[in-house]
């Protein structure tokens, strides 16, 4: 819901901040669990 992160250009501007946010969340689960969660949603991942 944060408009600062809407669109490619804005996300690139805030890349460092977003990397930290997503990185902290990914550390909370194992790889297989994340793939099983995101793959059914159609997120390109592996």
ModelCIF file with pLDDT and N, C-alpha, C, O atoms, coordinates in Angstrom:
data_MODEL
#
_entry.id   MODEL 
#
_entity.id                         1 
_entity.type                       polymer 
_entity.pdbx_number_of_molecules   1 
#
_entity_poly.entity_id                      1 
_entity_poly.type                           'polypeptide(L)' 
_entity_poly.nstd_linkage                   no 
_entity_poly.nstd_monomer                   no 
_entity_poly.pdbx_seq_one_letter_code       
;(UNK)(UNK)(UNK)(UNK)(UNK)(UNK)(UNK)(UNK)(UNK)(UNK)(UNK)(UNK)(UNK)(UNK)(UNK)(UNK)
(UNK)(UNK)(UNK)(UNK)(UNK)(UNK)(UNK)(UNK)(UNK)(UNK)(UNK)(UNK)(UNK)(UNK)(UNK)(UNK)
(UNK)(UNK)(UNK)(UNK)(UNK)(UNK)(UNK)(UNK)(UNK)(UNK)(UNK)(UNK)(UNK)(UNK)
;
_entity_poly.pdbx_seq_one_letter_code_can   XXXXXXXXXXXXXXXXXXXXXXXXXXXXXXXXXXXXXXXXXXXXXX 
_entity_poly.pdbx_strand_id                 A 
#
loop_
_entity_poly_seq.entity_id 
_entity_poly_seq.num 
_entity_poly_seq.mon_id 
_entity_poly_seq.hetero 
1 1  UNK n 
1 2  UNK n 
1 3  UNK n 
1 4  UNK n 
1 5  UNK n 
1 6  UNK n 
1 7  UNK n 
1 8  UNK n 
1 9  UNK n 
1 10 UNK n 
1 11 UNK n 
1 12 UNK n 
1 13 UNK n 
1 14 UNK n 
1 15 UNK n 
1 16 UNK n 
1 17 UNK n 
1 18 UNK n 
1 19 UNK n 
1 20 UNK n 
1 21 UNK n 
1 22 UNK n 
1 23 UNK n 
1 24 UNK n 
1 25 UNK n 
1 26 UNK n 
1 27 UNK n 
1 28 UNK n 
1 29 UNK n 
1 30 UNK n 
1 31 UNK n 
1 32 UNK n 
1 33 UNK n 
1 34 UNK n 
1 35 UNK n 
1 36 UNK n 
1 37 UNK n 
1 38 UNK n 
1 39 UNK n 
1 40 UNK n 
1 41 UNK n 
1 42 UNK n 
1 43 UNK n 
1 44 UNK n 
1 45 UNK n 
1 46 UNK n 
#
_struct_asym.id          A 
_struct_asym.entity_id   1 
#
loop_
_ma_qa_metric.id 
_ma_qa_metric.mode 
_ma_qa_metric.name 
_ma_qa_metric.software_group_id 
_ma_qa_metric.type 
1 global pLDDT . pLDDT 
2 local  pLDDT . pLDDT 
#
_ma_qa_metric_global.metric_id      1 
_ma_qa_metric_global.metric_value   96.39 
_ma_qa_metric_global.model_id       1 
_ma_qa_metric_global.ordinal_id     1 
#
loop_
_ma_qa_metric_local.label_asym_id 
_ma_qa_metric_local.label_comp_id 
_ma_qa_metric_local.label_seq_id 
_ma_qa_metric_local.metric_id 
_ma_qa_metric_local.metric_value 
_ma_qa_metric_local.model_id 
_ma_qa_metric_local.ordinal_id 
A UNK 1  2 93.00 1 1  
A UNK 2  2 93.00 1 2  
A UNK 3  2 92.00 1 3  
A UNK 4  2 93.00 1 4  
A UNK 5  2 94.00 1 5  
A UNK 6  2 92.00 1 6  
A UNK 7  2 94.00 1 7  
A UNK 8  2 94.00 1 8  
A UNK 9  2 95.00 1 9  
A UNK 10 2 94.00 1 10 
A UNK 11 2 96.00 1 11 
A UNK 12 2 94.00 1 12 
A UNK 13 2 95.00 1 13 
A UNK 14 2 95.00 1 14 
A UNK 15 2 95.00 1 15 
A UNK 16 2 95.00 1 16 
A UNK 17 2 96.00 1 17 
A UNK 18 2 97.00 1 18 
A UNK 19 2 97.00 1 19 
A UNK 20 2 97.00 1 20 
A UNK 21 2 97.00 1 21 
A UNK 22 2 98.00 1 22 
A UNK 23 2 98.00 1 23 
A UNK 24 2 98.00 1 24 
A UNK 25 2 98.00 1 25 
A UNK 26 2 98.00 1 26 
A UNK 27 2 98.00 1 27 
A UNK 28 2 98.00 1 28 
A UNK 29 2 98.00 1 29 
A UNK 30 2 98.00 1 30 
A UNK 31 2 98.00 1 31 
A UNK 32 2 98.00 1 32 
A UNK 33 2 98.00 1 33 
A UNK 34 2 98.00 1 34 
A UNK 35 2 98.00 1 35 
A UNK 36 2 98.00 1 36 
A UNK 37 2 98.00 1 37 
A UNK 38 2 98.00 1 38 
A UNK 39 2 97.00 1 39 
A UNK 40 2 97.00 1 40 
A UNK 41 2 97.00 1 41 
A UNK 42 2 97.00 1 42 
A UNK 43 2 98.00 1 43 
A UNK 44 2 98.00 1 44 
A UNK 45 2 98.00 1 45 
A UNK 46 2 98.00 1 46 
#
loop_
_atom_site.group_PDB 
_atom_site.id 
_atom_site.type_symbol 
_atom_site.label_atom_id 
_atom_site.label_alt_id 
_atom_site.label_comp_id 
_atom_site.label_asym_id 
_atom_site.label_entity_id 
_atom_site.label_seq_id 
_atom_site.pdbx_PDB_ins_code 
_atom_site.Cartn_x 
_atom_site.Cartn_y 
_atom_site.Cartn_z 
_atom_site.occupancy 
_atom_site.B_iso_or_equiv 
_atom_site.pdbx_formal_charge 
_atom_site.auth_seq_id 
_atom_site.auth_comp_id 
_atom_site.auth_asym_id 
_atom_site.auth_atom_id 
_atom_site.pdbx_PDB_model_num 
ATOM 1   N N  . UNK A 1 1  ? 0.803  -1.225  0.000   1.00 93.00 ? 1  UNK A N  1 
ATOM 2   C CA . UNK A 1 1  ? 0.000  0.000   0.000   1.00 93.00 ? 1  UNK A CA 1 
ATOM 3   C C  . UNK A 1 1  ? 0.835  1.274   0.000   1.00 93.00 ? 1  UNK A C  1 
ATOM 4   O O  . UNK A 1 1  ? 0.280  2.371   -0.059  1.00 93.00 ? 1  UNK A O  1 
ATOM 5   N N  . UNK A 1 2  ? 2.153  1.151   0.065   1.00 93.00 ? 2  UNK A N  1 
ATOM 6   C CA . UNK A 1 2  ? 3.023  2.321   0.130   1.00 93.00 ? 2  UNK A CA 1 
ATOM 7   C C  . UNK A 1 2  ? 3.307  2.825   -1.295  1.00 93.00 ? 2  UNK A C  1 
ATOM 8   O O  . UNK A 1 2  ? 3.939  2.126   -2.087  1.00 93.00 ? 2  UNK A O  1 
ATOM 9   N N  . UNK A 1 3  ? 2.837  4.039   -1.617  1.00 92.00 ? 3  UNK A N  1 
ATOM 10  C CA . UNK A 1 3  ? 2.983  4.594   -2.959  1.00 92.00 ? 3  UNK A CA 1 
ATOM 11  C C  . UNK A 1 3  ? 4.433  4.838   -3.348  1.00 92.00 ? 3  UNK A C  1 
ATOM 12  O O  . UNK A 1 3  ? 4.746  4.957   -4.533  1.00 92.00 ? 3  UNK A O  1 
ATOM 13  N N  . UNK A 1 4  ? 5.326  4.914   -2.356  1.00 93.00 ? 4  UNK A N  1 
ATOM 14  C CA . UNK A 1 4  ? 6.745  5.122   -2.675  1.00 93.00 ? 4  UNK A CA 1 
ATOM 15  C C  . UNK A 1 4  ? 7.310  3.982   -3.505  1.00 93.00 ? 4  UNK A C  1 
ATOM 16  O O  . UNK A 1 4  ? 8.281  4.174   -4.237  1.00 93.00 ? 4  UNK A O  1 
ATOM 17  N N  . UNK A 1 5  ? 6.715  2.797   -3.402  1.00 94.00 ? 5  UNK A N  1 
ATOM 18  C CA . UNK A 1 5  ? 7.261  1.612   -4.055  1.00 94.00 ? 5  UNK A CA 1 
ATOM 19  C C  . UNK A 1 5  ? 6.491  1.215   -5.313  1.00 94.00 ? 5  UNK A C  1 
ATOM 20  O O  . UNK A 1 5  ? 6.673  0.114   -5.832  1.00 94.00 ? 5  UNK A O  1 
ATOM 21  N N  . UNK A 1 6  ? 5.635  2.106   -5.799  1.00 92.00 ? 6  UNK A N  1 
ATOM 22  C CA . UNK A 1 6  ? 4.815  1.784   -6.972  1.00 92.00 ? 6  UNK A CA 1 
ATOM 23  C C  . UNK A 1 6  ? 5.615  2.010   -8.256  1.00 92.00 ? 6  UNK A C  1 
ATOM 24  O O  . UNK A 1 6  ? 6.102  3.114   -8.501  1.00 92.00 ? 6  UNK A O  1 
ATOM 25  N N  . UNK A 1 7  ? 5.748  0.975   -9.063  1.00 94.00 ? 7  UNK A N  1 
ATOM 26  C CA . UNK A 1 7  ? 6.415  1.088   -10.360 1.00 94.00 ? 7  UNK A CA 1 
ATOM 27  C C  . UNK A 1 7  ? 7.896  0.756   -10.307 1.00 94.00 ? 7  UNK A C  1 
ATOM 28  O O  . UNK A 1 7  ? 8.530  0.838   -9.254  1.00 94.00 ? 7  UNK A O  1 
ATOM 29  N N  . UNK A 1 8  ? 8.441  0.379   -11.467 1.00 94.00 ? 8  UNK A N  1 
ATOM 30  C CA . UNK A 1 8  ? 9.844  -0.031  -11.553 1.00 94.00 ? 8  UNK A CA 1 
ATOM 31  C C  . UNK A 1 8  ? 10.799 1.061   -11.089 1.00 94.00 ? 8  UNK A C  1 
ATOM 32  O O  . UNK A 1 8  ? 11.714 0.799   -10.308 1.00 94.00 ? 8  UNK A O  1 
ATOM 33  N N  . UNK A 1 9  ? 10.587 2.286   -11.567 1.00 95.00 ? 9  UNK A N  1 
ATOM 34  C CA . UNK A 1 9  ? 11.520 3.366   -11.260 1.00 95.00 ? 9  UNK A CA 1 
ATOM 35  C C  . UNK A 1 9  ? 11.570 3.671   -9.770  1.00 95.00 ? 9  UNK A C  1 
ATOM 36  O O  . UNK A 1 9  ? 12.648 3.898   -9.220  1.00 95.00 ? 9  UNK A O  1 
ATOM 37  N N  . UNK A 1 10 ? 10.415 3.678   -9.110  1.00 94.00 ? 10 UNK A N  1 
ATOM 38  C CA . UNK A 1 10 ? 10.387 3.990   -7.682  1.00 94.00 ? 10 UNK A CA 1 
ATOM 39  C C  . UNK A 1 10 ? 11.025 2.878   -6.862  1.00 94.00 ? 10 UNK A C  1 
ATOM 40  O O  . UNK A 1 10 ? 11.737 3.140   -5.893  1.00 94.00 ? 10 UNK A O  1 
ATOM 41  N N  . UNK A 1 11 ? 10.766 1.639   -7.256  1.00 96.00 ? 11 UNK A N  1 
ATOM 42  C CA . UNK A 1 11 ? 11.361 0.520   -6.505  1.00 96.00 ? 11 UNK A CA 1 
ATOM 43  C C  . UNK A 1 11 ? 12.876 0.508   -6.669  1.00 96.00 ? 11 UNK A C  1 
ATOM 44  O O  . UNK A 1 11 ? 13.608 0.155   -5.744  1.00 96.00 ? 11 UNK A O  1 
ATOM 45  N N  . UNK A 1 12 ? 13.334 0.897   -7.850  1.00 94.00 ? 12 UNK A N  1 
ATOM 46  C CA . UNK A 1 12 ? 14.779 0.969   -8.046  1.00 94.00 ? 12 UNK A CA 1 
ATOM 47  C C  . UNK A 1 12 ? 15.383 2.063   -7.159  1.00 94.00 ? 12 UNK A C  1 
ATOM 48  O O  . UNK A 1 12 ? 16.485 1.906   -6.633  1.00 94.00 ? 12 UNK A O  1 
ATOM 49  N N  . UNK A 1 13 ? 14.664 3.152   -7.003  1.00 95.00 ? 13 UNK A N  1 
ATOM 50  C CA . UNK A 1 13 ? 15.126 4.244   -6.149  1.00 95.00 ? 13 UNK A CA 1 
ATOM 51  C C  . UNK A 1 13 ? 15.257 3.800   -4.698  1.00 95.00 ? 13 UNK A C  1 
ATOM 52  O O  . UNK A 1 13 ? 16.171 4.217   -3.987  1.00 95.00 ? 13 UNK A O  1 
ATOM 53  N N  . UNK A 1 14 ? 14.328 2.946   -4.269  1.00 95.00 ? 14 UNK A N  1 
ATOM 54  C CA . UNK A 1 14 ? 14.331 2.480   -2.882  1.00 95.00 ? 14 UNK A CA 1 
ATOM 55  C C  . UNK A 1 14 ? 14.843 1.041   -2.765  1.00 95.00 ? 14 UNK A C  1 
ATOM 56  O O  . UNK A 1 14 ? 14.480 0.321   -1.835  1.00 95.00 ? 14 UNK A O  1 
ATOM 57  N N  . UNK A 1 15 ? 15.687 0.631   -3.713  1.00 95.00 ? 15 UNK A N  1 
ATOM 58  C CA . UNK A 1 15 ? 16.163 -0.751  -3.756  1.00 95.00 ? 15 UNK A CA 1 
ATOM 59  C C  . UNK A 1 15 ? 16.778 -1.186  -2.427  1.00 95.00 ? 15 UNK A C  1 
ATOM 60  O O  . UNK A 1 15 ? 16.445 -2.259  -1.925  1.00 95.00 ? 15 UNK A O  1 
ATOM 61  N N  . UNK A 1 16 ? 17.659 -0.388  -1.853  1.00 95.00 ? 16 UNK A N  1 
ATOM 62  C CA . UNK A 1 16 ? 18.369 -0.784  -0.637  1.00 95.00 ? 16 UNK A CA 1 
ATOM 63  C C  . UNK A 1 16 ? 17.398 -1.008  0.518   1.00 95.00 ? 16 UNK A C  1 
ATOM 64  O O  . UNK A 1 16 ? 17.512 -1.989  1.253   1.00 95.00 ? 16 UNK A O  1 
ATOM 65  N N  . UNK A 1 17 ? 16.452 -0.102  0.671   1.00 96.00 ? 17 UNK A N  1 
ATOM 66  C CA . UNK A 1 17 ? 15.461 -0.227  1.746   1.00 96.00 ? 17 UNK A CA 1 
ATOM 67  C C  . UNK A 1 17 ? 14.586 -1.460  1.562   1.00 96.00 ? 17 UNK A C  1 
ATOM 68  O O  . UNK A 1 17 ? 14.336 -2.201  2.513   1.00 96.00 ? 17 UNK A O  1 
ATOM 69  N N  . UNK A 1 18 ? 14.123 -1.676  0.330   1.00 97.00 ? 18 UNK A N  1 
ATOM 70  C CA . UNK A 1 18 ? 13.262 -2.827  0.053   1.00 97.00 ? 18 UNK A CA 1 
ATOM 71  C C  . UNK A 1 18 ? 14.014 -4.145  0.168   1.00 97.00 ? 18 UNK A C  1 
ATOM 72  O O  . UNK A 1 18 ? 13.446 -5.146  0.602   1.00 97.00 ? 18 UNK A O  1 
ATOM 73  N N  . UNK A 1 19 ? 15.271 -4.154  -0.213  1.00 97.00 ? 19 UNK A N  1 
ATOM 74  C CA . UNK A 1 19 ? 16.079 -5.364  -0.070  1.00 97.00 ? 19 UNK A CA 1 
ATOM 75  C C  . UNK A 1 19 ? 16.151 -5.782  1.390   1.00 97.00 ? 19 UNK A C  1 
ATOM 76  O O  . UNK A 1 19 ? 16.081 -6.972  1.701   1.00 97.00 ? 19 UNK A O  1 
ATOM 77  N N  . UNK A 1 20 ? 16.289 -4.826  2.276   1.00 97.00 ? 20 UNK A N  1 
ATOM 78  C CA . UNK A 1 20 ? 16.337 -5.130  3.710   1.00 97.00 ? 20 UNK A CA 1 
ATOM 79  C C  . UNK A 1 20 ? 15.013 -5.688  4.201   1.00 97.00 ? 20 UNK A C  1 
ATOM 80  O O  . UNK A 1 20 ? 14.985 -6.656  4.961   1.00 97.00 ? 20 UNK A O  1 
ATOM 81  N N  . UNK A 1 21 ? 13.905 -5.073  3.765   1.00 97.00 ? 21 UNK A N  1 
ATOM 82  C CA . UNK A 1 21 ? 12.576 -5.521  4.208   1.00 97.00 ? 21 UNK A CA 1 
ATOM 83  C C  . UNK A 1 21 ? 12.302 -6.939  3.732   1.00 97.00 ? 21 UNK A C  1 
ATOM 84  O O  . UNK A 1 21 ? 11.928 -7.805  4.522   1.00 97.00 ? 21 UNK A O  1 
ATOM 85  N N  . UNK A 1 22 ? 12.490 -7.172  2.437   1.00 98.00 ? 22 UNK A N  1 
ATOM 86  C CA . UNK A 1 22 ? 12.243 -8.512  1.895   1.00 98.00 ? 22 UNK A CA 1 
ATOM 87  C C  . UNK A 1 22 ? 13.249 -9.516  2.434   1.00 98.00 ? 22 UNK A C  1 
ATOM 88  O O  . UNK A 1 22 ? 12.888 -10.657 2.721   1.00 98.00 ? 22 UNK A O  1 
ATOM 89  N N  . UNK A 1 23 ? 14.499 -9.113  2.574   1.00 98.00 ? 23 UNK A N  1 
ATOM 90  C CA . UNK A 1 23 ? 15.532 -10.015 3.062   1.00 98.00 ? 23 UNK A CA 1 
ATOM 91  C C  . UNK A 1 23 ? 15.240 -10.514 4.458   1.00 98.00 ? 23 UNK A C  1 
ATOM 92  O O  . UNK A 1 23 ? 15.429 -11.695 4.749   1.00 98.00 ? 23 UNK A O  1 
ATOM 93  N N  . UNK A 1 24 ? 14.778 -9.626  5.331   1.00 98.00 ? 24 UNK A N  1 
ATOM 94  C CA . UNK A 1 24 ? 14.440 -10.035 6.700   1.00 98.00 ? 24 UNK A CA 1 
ATOM 95  C C  . UNK A 1 24 ? 13.287 -11.040 6.702   1.00 98.00 ? 24 UNK A C  1 
ATOM 96  O O  . UNK A 1 24 ? 13.291 -11.990 7.485   1.00 98.00 ? 24 UNK A O  1 
ATOM 97  N N  . UNK A 1 25 ? 12.299 -10.829 5.825   1.00 98.00 ? 25 UNK A N  1 
ATOM 98  C CA . UNK A 1 25 ? 11.152 -11.733 5.800   1.00 98.00 ? 25 UNK A CA 1 
ATOM 99  C C  . UNK A 1 25 ? 11.549 -13.095 5.228   1.00 98.00 ? 25 UNK A C  1 
ATOM 100 O O  . UNK A 1 25 ? 11.097 -14.121 5.737   1.00 98.00 ? 25 UNK A O  1 
ATOM 101 N N  . UNK A 1 26 ? 12.376 -13.130 4.191   1.00 98.00 ? 26 UNK A N  1 
ATOM 102 C CA . UNK A 1 26 ? 12.785 -14.415 3.605   1.00 98.00 ? 26 UNK A CA 1 
ATOM 103 C C  . UNK A 1 26 ? 13.567 -15.261 4.610   1.00 98.00 ? 26 UNK A C  1 
ATOM 104 O O  . UNK A 1 26 ? 13.512 -16.489 4.543   1.00 98.00 ? 26 UNK A O  1 
ATOM 105 N N  . UNK A 1 27 ? 14.279 -14.648 5.521   1.00 98.00 ? 27 UNK A N  1 
ATOM 106 C CA . UNK A 1 27 ? 15.053 -15.399 6.522   1.00 98.00 ? 27 UNK A CA 1 
ATOM 107 C C  . UNK A 1 27 ? 14.170 -16.123 7.524   1.00 98.00 ? 27 UNK A C  1 
ATOM 108 O O  . UNK A 1 27 ? 14.670 -16.937 8.300   1.00 98.00 ? 27 UNK A O  1 
ATOM 109 N N  . UNK A 1 28 ? 12.891 -15.853 7.527   1.00 98.00 ? 28 UNK A N  1 
ATOM 110 C CA . UNK A 1 28 ? 11.994 -16.457 8.511   1.00 98.00 ? 28 UNK A CA 1 
ATOM 111 C C  . UNK A 1 28 ? 11.511 -17.851 8.118   1.00 98.00 ? 28 UNK A C  1 
ATOM 112 O O  . UNK A 1 28 ? 10.922 -18.553 8.940   1.00 98.00 ? 28 UNK A O  1 
ATOM 113 N N  . UNK A 1 29 ? 11.754 -18.263 6.864   1.00 98.00 ? 29 UNK A N  1 
ATOM 114 C CA . UNK A 1 29 ? 11.313 -19.577 6.406   1.00 98.00 ? 29 UNK A CA 1 
ATOM 115 C C  . UNK A 1 29 ? 12.375 -20.189 5.501   1.00 98.00 ? 29 UNK A C  1 
ATOM 116 O O  . UNK A 1 29 ? 13.258 -19.495 4.997   1.00 98.00 ? 29 UNK A O  1 
ATOM 117 N N  . UNK A 1 30 ? 12.272 -21.520 5.300   1.00 98.00 ? 30 UNK A N  1 
ATOM 118 C CA . UNK A 1 30 ? 13.210 -22.212 4.429   1.00 98.00 ? 30 UNK A CA 1 
ATOM 119 C C  . UNK A 1 30 ? 12.844 -22.034 2.961   1.00 98.00 ? 30 UNK A C  1 
ATOM 120 O O  . UNK A 1 30 ? 11.740 -21.606 2.625   1.00 98.00 ? 30 UNK A O  1 
ATOM 121 N N  . UNK A 1 31 ? 13.785 -22.370 2.104   1.00 98.00 ? 31 UNK A N  1 
ATOM 122 C CA . UNK A 1 31 ? 13.593 -22.188 0.663   1.00 98.00 ? 31 UNK A CA 1 
ATOM 123 C C  . UNK A 1 31 ? 12.391 -22.959 0.138   1.00 98.00 ? 31 UNK A C  1 
ATOM 124 O O  . UNK A 1 31 ? 11.559 -22.400 -0.576  1.00 98.00 ? 31 UNK A O  1 
ATOM 125 N N  . UNK A 1 32 ? 12.294 -24.242 0.488   1.00 98.00 ? 32 UNK A N  1 
ATOM 126 C CA . UNK A 1 32 ? 11.198 -25.054 -0.012  1.00 98.00 ? 32 UNK A CA 1 
ATOM 127 C C  . UNK A 1 32 ? 9.848  -24.504 0.421   1.00 98.00 ? 32 UNK A C  1 
ATOM 128 O O  . UNK A 1 32 ? 8.893  -24.516 -0.356  1.00 98.00 ? 32 UNK A O  1 
ATOM 129 N N  . UNK A 1 33 ? 9.762  -24.026 1.645   1.00 98.00 ? 33 UNK A N  1 
ATOM 130 C CA . UNK A 1 33 ? 8.510  -23.476 2.145   1.00 98.00 ? 33 UNK A CA 1 
ATOM 131 C C  . UNK A 1 33 ? 8.124  -22.218 1.362   1.00 98.00 ? 33 UNK A C  1 
ATOM 132 O O  . UNK A 1 33 ? 6.954  -22.022 1.032   1.00 98.00 ? 33 UNK A O  1 
ATOM 133 N N  . UNK A 1 34 ? 9.113  -21.368 1.066   1.00 98.00 ? 34 UNK A N  1 
ATOM 134 C CA . UNK A 1 34 ? 8.824  -20.161 0.289   1.00 98.00 ? 34 UNK A CA 1 
ATOM 135 C C  . UNK A 1 34 ? 8.382  -20.511 -1.127  1.00 98.00 ? 34 UNK A C  1 
ATOM 136 O O  . UNK A 1 34 ? 7.442  -19.910 -1.647  1.00 98.00 ? 34 UNK A O  1 
ATOM 137 N N  . UNK A 1 35 ? 9.045  -21.467 -1.749  1.00 98.00 ? 35 UNK A N  1 
ATOM 138 C CA . UNK A 1 35 ? 8.668  -21.849 -3.108  1.00 98.00 ? 35 UNK A CA 1 
ATOM 139 C C  . UNK A 1 35 ? 7.254  -22.401 -3.131  1.00 98.00 ? 35 UNK A C  1 
ATOM 140 O O  . UNK A 1 35 ? 6.461  -22.060 -4.009  1.00 98.00 ? 35 UNK A O  1 
ATOM 141 N N  . UNK A 1 36 ? 6.934  -23.263 -2.152  1.00 98.00 ? 36 UNK A N  1 
ATOM 142 C CA . UNK A 1 36 ? 5.597  -23.847 -2.084  1.00 98.00 ? 36 UNK A CA 1 
ATOM 143 C C  . UNK A 1 36 ? 4.531  -22.789 -1.838  1.00 98.00 ? 36 UNK A C  1 
ATOM 144 O O  . UNK A 1 36 ? 3.373  -22.963 -2.216  1.00 98.00 ? 36 UNK A O  1 
ATOM 145 N N  . UNK A 1 37 ? 4.925  -21.703 -1.209  1.00 98.00 ? 37 UNK A N  1 
ATOM 146 C CA . UNK A 1 37 ? 3.975  -20.627 -0.922  1.00 98.00 ? 37 UNK A CA 1 
ATOM 147 C C  . UNK A 1 37 ? 3.798  -19.690 -2.124  1.00 98.00 ? 37 UNK A C  1 
ATOM 148 O O  . UNK A 1 37 ? 2.677  -19.300 -2.450  1.00 98.00 ? 37 UNK A O  1 
ATOM 149 N N  . UNK A 1 38 ? 4.897  -19.335 -2.772  1.00 98.00 ? 38 UNK A N  1 
ATOM 150 C CA . UNK A 1 38 ? 4.857  -18.328 -3.832  1.00 98.00 ? 38 UNK A CA 1 
ATOM 151 C C  . UNK A 1 38 ? 4.521  -18.892 -5.207  1.00 98.00 ? 38 UNK A C  1 
ATOM 152 O O  . UNK A 1 38 ? 3.902  -18.216 -6.028  1.00 98.00 ? 38 UNK A O  1 
ATOM 153 N N  . UNK A 1 39 ? 4.933  -20.133 -5.453  1.00 97.00 ? 39 UNK A N  1 
ATOM 154 C CA . UNK A 1 39 ? 4.698  -20.724 -6.771  1.00 97.00 ? 39 UNK A CA 1 
ATOM 155 C C  . UNK A 1 39 ? 3.213  -20.786 -7.131  1.00 97.00 ? 39 UNK A C  1 
ATOM 156 O O  . UNK A 1 39 ? 2.858  -20.424 -8.253  1.00 97.00 ? 39 UNK A O  1 
ATOM 157 N N  . UNK A 1 40 ? 2.332  -21.226 -6.234  1.00 97.00 ? 40 UNK A N  1 
ATOM 158 C CA . UNK A 1 40 ? 0.905  -21.261 -6.573  1.00 97.00 ? 40 UNK A CA 1 
ATOM 159 C C  . UNK A 1 40 ? 0.317  -19.882 -6.866  1.00 97.00 ? 40 UNK A C  1 
ATOM 160 O O  . UNK A 1 40 ? -0.709 -19.778 -7.539  1.00 97.00 ? 40 UNK A O  1 
ATOM 161 N N  . UNK A 1 41 ? 0.952  -18.831 -6.370  1.00 97.00 ? 41 UNK A N  1 
ATOM 162 C CA . UNK A 1 41 ? 0.475  -17.473 -6.632  1.00 97.00 ? 41 UNK A CA 1 
ATOM 163 C C  . UNK A 1 41 ? 0.955  -16.943 -7.984  1.00 97.00 ? 41 UNK A C  1 
ATOM 164 O O  . UNK A 1 41 ? 0.568  -15.852 -8.401  1.00 97.00 ? 41 UNK A O  1 
ATOM 165 N N  . UNK A 1 42 ? 1.799  -17.721 -8.665  1.00 97.00 ? 42 UNK A N  1 
ATOM 166 C CA . UNK A 1 42 ? 2.297  -17.308 -9.966  1.00 97.00 ? 42 UNK A CA 1 
ATOM 167 C C  . UNK A 1 42 ? 3.500  -16.406 -9.915  1.00 97.00 ? 42 UNK A C  1 
ATOM 168 O O  . UNK A 1 42 ? 3.786  -15.703 -10.885 1.00 97.00 ? 42 UNK A O  1 
ATOM 169 N N  . UNK A 1 43 ? 4.228  -16.408 -8.785  1.00 98.00 ? 43 UNK A N  1 
ATOM 170 C CA . UNK A 1 43 ? 5.438  -15.602 -8.679  1.00 98.00 ? 43 UNK A CA 1 
ATOM 171 C C  . UNK A 1 43 ? 6.607  -16.376 -9.303  1.00 98.00 ? 43 UNK A C  1 
ATOM 172 O O  . UNK A 1 43 ? 6.881  -17.495 -8.873  1.00 98.00 ? 43 UNK A O  1 
ATOM 173 N N  . UNK A 1 44 ? 7.297  -15.823 -10.294 1.00 98.00 ? 44 UNK A N  1 
ATOM 174 C CA . UNK A 1 44 ? 8.463  -16.512 -10.855 1.00 98.00 ? 44 UNK A CA 1 
ATOM 175 C C  . UNK A 1 44 ? 9.552  -16.671 -9.786  1.00 98.00 ? 44 UNK A C  1 
ATOM 176 O O  . UNK A 1 44 ? 10.125 -15.683 -9.327  1.00 98.00 ? 44 UNK A O  1 
ATOM 177 N N  . UNK A 1 45 ? 9.828  -17.902 -9.400  1.00 98.00 ? 45 UNK A N  1 
ATOM 178 C CA . UNK A 1 45 ? 10.780 -18.134 -8.323  1.00 98.00 ? 45 UNK A CA 1 
ATOM 179 C C  . UNK A 1 45 ? 11.306 -19.552 -8.406  1.00 98.00 ? 45 UNK A C  1 
ATOM 180 O O  . UNK A 1 45 ? 10.739 -20.394 -9.101  1.00 98.00 ? 45 UNK A O  1 
ATOM 181 N N  . UNK A 1 46 ? 12.390 -19.814 -7.696  1.00 98.00 ? 46 UNK A N  1 
ATOM 182 C CA . UNK A 1 46 ? 12.938 -21.154 -7.649  1.00 98.00 ? 46 UNK A CA 1 
ATOM 183 C C  . UNK A 1 46 ? 14.107 -21.224 -6.701  1.00 98.00 ? 46 UNK A C  1 
ATOM 184 O O  . UNK A 1 46 ? 14.702 -22.289 -6.532  1.00 98.00 ? 46 UNK A O  1 
#
